[in-house]
Amino acid sequence: MAKCFLWIKKVSVLLMTVCLLSSCSADINDYKGTTPKFDLFEYFQGDIEAWGMVKDYTNKQTRRFHVNVRGEVDGDTLTLHEDFVYDDGETDTRVWTITRQGDGRYLGKAGDIIGDATGQVVGNALQWQYDFRLKTDEREIDVHFDDWMYRQDDRHLFNTTSITKWGVEVGEVTLFFTKQ
């Protein structure tokens, strides 16, 4: 009986720790008043070049890539054409259609995105969240992306992304953008 109680106590402490740590995350409102102000449509209109990498759950780099981005603004709609070239020679294209919702909020769609992506800008930061159909060698896996973009200056933008499955981080993406 004592062993059973000790086991329950250990499991309870572990569960409470996991719940506490999983509730610790940045809040977009933490960036109120930061500069330079991030205007999503202004930054992504035109030609942009980006470099990035993907790391797995062990923090091992698994892929590197280069992206050419072309953005076109038409009223409250931004269309982004992204052309990827990976370190193994694979290429991919994604086209985003992003609409301005007002009050710094955005809604986006793309072919491999499940449902709608939602985003909000505050200060120099954008939080962009969506579910993504990730293709692997063996199968397709639905994962959640939590993108954080930070405007550095007129030409540079940093992007970090947490990739999760069932609330557990399985990967991370880091990107650096330069406006041409």
Protein backbone atom coordinates (compact mmCIF):
# COMPACT_ATOMS: atom_id res chain seq x y z
CA MET A 1 0.00 0.00 0.00
CA ALA A 2 2.84 2.39 0.84
CA LYS A 3 4.45 1.77 -2.57
CA CYS A 4 1.15 2.51 -4.31
CA PHE A 5 0.75 5.77 -2.38
CA LEU A 6 4.34 6.79 -3.17
CA TRP A 7 3.78 6.04 -6.89
CA ILE A 8 0.55 8.11 -6.93
CA LYS A 9 2.35 10.97 -5.20
CA LYS A 10 5.21 10.91 -7.75
CA VAL A 11 2.80 10.79 -10.70
CA SER A 12 0.77 13.68 -9.22
CA VAL A 13 3.88 15.84 -8.80
CA LEU A 14 4.97 15.03 -12.36
CA LEU A 15 1.53 15.90 -13.79
CA MET A 16 1.38 19.17 -11.84
CA THR A 17 4.87 20.10 -13.09
CA VAL A 18 3.94 19.34 -16.70
CA CYS A 19 0.73 21.40 -16.40
CA LEU A 20 2.62 24.31 -14.83
CA LEU A 21 5.36 24.30 -17.48
CA SER A 22 2.95 23.94 -20.39
CA SER A 23 1.05 27.02 -19.24
CA CYS A 24 4.24 29.13 -19.41
CA SER A 25 4.39 30.78 -22.80
CA ALA A 26 4.85 34.22 -24.26
CA ASP A 27 1.83 36.44 -24.61
CA ILE A 28 1.51 38.64 -27.70
CA ASN A 29 0.57 41.57 -25.47
CA ASP A 30 4.05 41.44 -23.92
CA TYR A 31 5.20 43.24 -27.11
CA LYS A 32 2.95 46.29 -26.75
CA GLY A 33 5.02 49.40 -27.31
CA THR A 34 7.97 47.61 -28.94
CA THR A 35 9.42 48.96 -32.16
CA PRO A 36 9.72 48.96 -35.05
CA LYS A 37 6.01 48.44 -35.47
CA PHE A 38 5.28 45.29 -37.48
CA ASP A 39 3.02 46.03 -40.44
CA LEU A 40 2.53 42.57 -41.99
CA PHE A 41 1.33 43.84 -45.37
CA GLU A 42 4.01 46.52 -45.66
CA TYR A 43 6.86 44.15 -44.75
CA PHE A 44 5.82 41.28 -47.03
CA GLN A 45 4.90 43.38 -50.08
CA GLY A 46 7.56 42.82 -52.72
CA ASP A 47 10.51 40.43 -52.75
CA ILE A 48 11.98 38.82 -49.65
CA GLU A 49 14.66 36.21 -49.20
CA ALA A 50 14.80 33.86 -46.20
CA TRP A 51 17.03 31.12 -44.81
CA GLY A 52 15.96 28.58 -42.25
CA MET A 53 16.44 25.28 -40.52
CA VAL A 54 14.33 22.60 -38.90
CA LYS A 55 15.33 20.86 -35.67
CA ASP A 56 13.68 17.72 -34.28
CA TYR A 57 12.61 16.98 -30.71
CA THR A 58 16.23 16.12 -29.76
CA ASN A 59 17.35 19.60 -30.91
CA LYS A 60 19.19 18.03 -33.89
CA GLN A 61 19.16 20.01 -37.12
CA THR A 62 17.34 17.87 -39.69
CA ARG A 63 16.93 20.24 -42.66
CA ARG A 64 18.12 23.55 -44.00
CA PHE A 65 16.35 25.60 -46.63
CA HIS A 66 16.24 28.80 -48.63
CA VAL A 67 12.98 30.59 -49.52
CA ASN A 68 12.18 33.26 -52.08
CA VAL A 69 8.99 35.08 -51.10
CA ARG A 70 6.99 37.43 -53.31
CA GLY A 71 4.16 39.36 -51.70
CA GLU A 72 1.29 41.12 -53.45
CA VAL A 73 -1.16 43.39 -51.62
CA ASP A 74 -4.66 44.06 -52.96
CA GLY A 75 -6.72 46.03 -50.44
CA ASP A 76 -7.11 43.88 -47.32
CA THR A 77 -5.57 40.78 -48.94
CA LEU A 78 -1.92 39.77 -48.99
CA THR A 79 -0.89 36.92 -51.29
CA LEU A 80 2.47 35.35 -50.50
CA HIS A 81 4.22 33.09 -53.02
CA GLU A 82 6.89 31.03 -51.24
CA ASP A 83 9.41 28.97 -53.23
CA PHE A 84 11.49 26.62 -51.05
CA VAL A 85 14.77 24.89 -51.92
CA TYR A 86 15.95 22.37 -49.31
CA ASP A 87 19.54 21.27 -48.66
CA ASP A 88 18.80 17.86 -50.22
CA GLY A 89 17.62 19.49 -53.47
CA GLU A 90 13.88 19.06 -52.84
CA THR A 91 11.74 22.03 -53.87
CA ASP A 92 8.30 23.08 -52.68
CA THR A 93 5.89 25.95 -53.24
CA ARG A 94 3.29 27.39 -50.88
CA VAL A 95 0.84 30.19 -51.64
CA TRP A 96 -0.72 32.00 -48.69
CA THR A 97 -3.79 34.20 -48.91
CA ILE A 98 -3.92 36.42 -45.82
CA THR A 99 -6.78 38.80 -45.04
CA ARG A 100 -6.68 41.70 -42.63
CA GLN A 101 -9.41 41.30 -39.99
CA GLY A 102 -8.84 44.60 -38.17
CA ASP A 103 -7.31 45.40 -34.78
CA GLY A 104 -4.00 43.76 -35.77
CA ARG A 105 -5.64 40.39 -36.49
CA TYR A 106 -5.20 38.29 -39.63
CA LEU A 107 -6.69 35.14 -41.16
CA GLY A 108 -4.73 32.98 -43.60
CA LYS A 109 -5.16 30.00 -45.91
CA ALA A 110 -2.71 27.81 -47.84
CA GLY A 111 -2.92 24.41 -49.53
CA ASP A 112 -1.22 22.32 -46.82
CA ILE A 113 -2.73 24.27 -43.92
CA ILE A 114 -5.66 22.59 -42.18
CA GLY A 115 -8.47 25.09 -41.73
CA ASP A 116 -7.50 28.72 -41.14
CA ALA A 117 -4.32 30.22 -39.77
CA THR A 118 -4.85 33.01 -37.27
CA GLY A 119 -2.46 35.78 -36.39
CA GLN A 120 -2.18 38.89 -34.32
CA VAL A 121 0.36 41.73 -34.43
CA VAL A 122 1.30 43.76 -31.36
CA GLY A 123 4.30 46.10 -31.46
CA ASN A 124 7.16 44.47 -33.35
CA ALA A 125 5.78 40.92 -33.03
CA LEU A 126 3.34 38.65 -34.86
CA GLN A 127 2.02 35.41 -33.42
CA TRP A 128 0.77 33.13 -36.21
CA GLN A 129 -0.89 29.77 -35.39
CA TYR A 130 -2.14 26.98 -37.61
CA ASP A 131 -2.40 23.25 -38.11
CA PHE A 132 -0.20 21.82 -40.84
CA ARG A 133 -0.15 18.54 -42.78
CA LEU A 134 3.51 17.51 -42.54
CA LYS A 135 4.69 15.02 -45.16
CA THR A 136 7.37 12.57 -44.05
CA ASP A 137 9.01 9.72 -45.95
CA GLU A 138 6.54 7.23 -44.46
CA ARG A 139 3.29 9.19 -44.03
CA GLU A 140 1.52 12.48 -43.41
CA ILE A 141 1.21 13.82 -39.86
CA ASP A 142 -1.02 16.68 -38.69
CA VAL A 143 0.92 19.02 -36.38
CA HIS A 144 0.38 22.46 -34.84
CA PHE A 145 2.64 25.43 -35.66
CA ASP A 146 3.05 28.36 -33.26
CA ASP A 147 5.01 30.98 -35.26
CA TRP A 148 6.52 34.07 -33.65
CA MET A 149 7.86 36.72 -36.00
CA TYR A 150 9.86 39.70 -34.76
CA ARG A 151 10.52 42.81 -36.85
CA GLN A 152 14.16 43.79 -36.32
CA ASP A 153 14.39 46.83 -38.61
CA ASP A 154 13.21 47.97 -42.05
CA ARG A 155 14.71 44.95 -43.84
CA HIS A 156 15.10 42.11 -41.29
CA LEU A 157 12.68 39.76 -39.58
CA PHE A 158 13.30 36.80 -37.28
CA ASN A 159 10.92 33.83 -37.03
CA THR A 160 10.86 31.01 -34.50
CA THR A 161 8.28 28.24 -34.65
CA SER A 162 7.33 25.56 -32.17
CA ILE A 163 5.91 22.43 -33.83
CA THR A 164 3.72 20.35 -31.54
CA LYS A 165 1.72 17.13 -31.71
CA TRP A 166 -0.86 16.56 -28.95
CA GLY A 167 0.64 19.51 -27.06
CA VAL A 168 4.18 18.05 -27.02
CA GLU A 169 6.94 19.86 -28.91
CA VAL A 170 8.27 17.64 -31.71
CA GLY A 171 10.32 20.21 -33.61
CA GLU A 172 11.37 23.78 -34.11
CA VAL A 173 11.87 26.01 -37.15
CA THR A 174 14.10 29.09 -37.24
CA LEU A 175 14.01 31.56 -40.15
CA PHE A 176 15.78 34.82 -40.98
CA PHE A 177 14.13 37.13 -43.54
CA THR A 178 15.71 39.95 -45.56
CA LYS A 179 13.54 42.34 -47.56
CA GLN A 180 15.09 43.02 -50.97
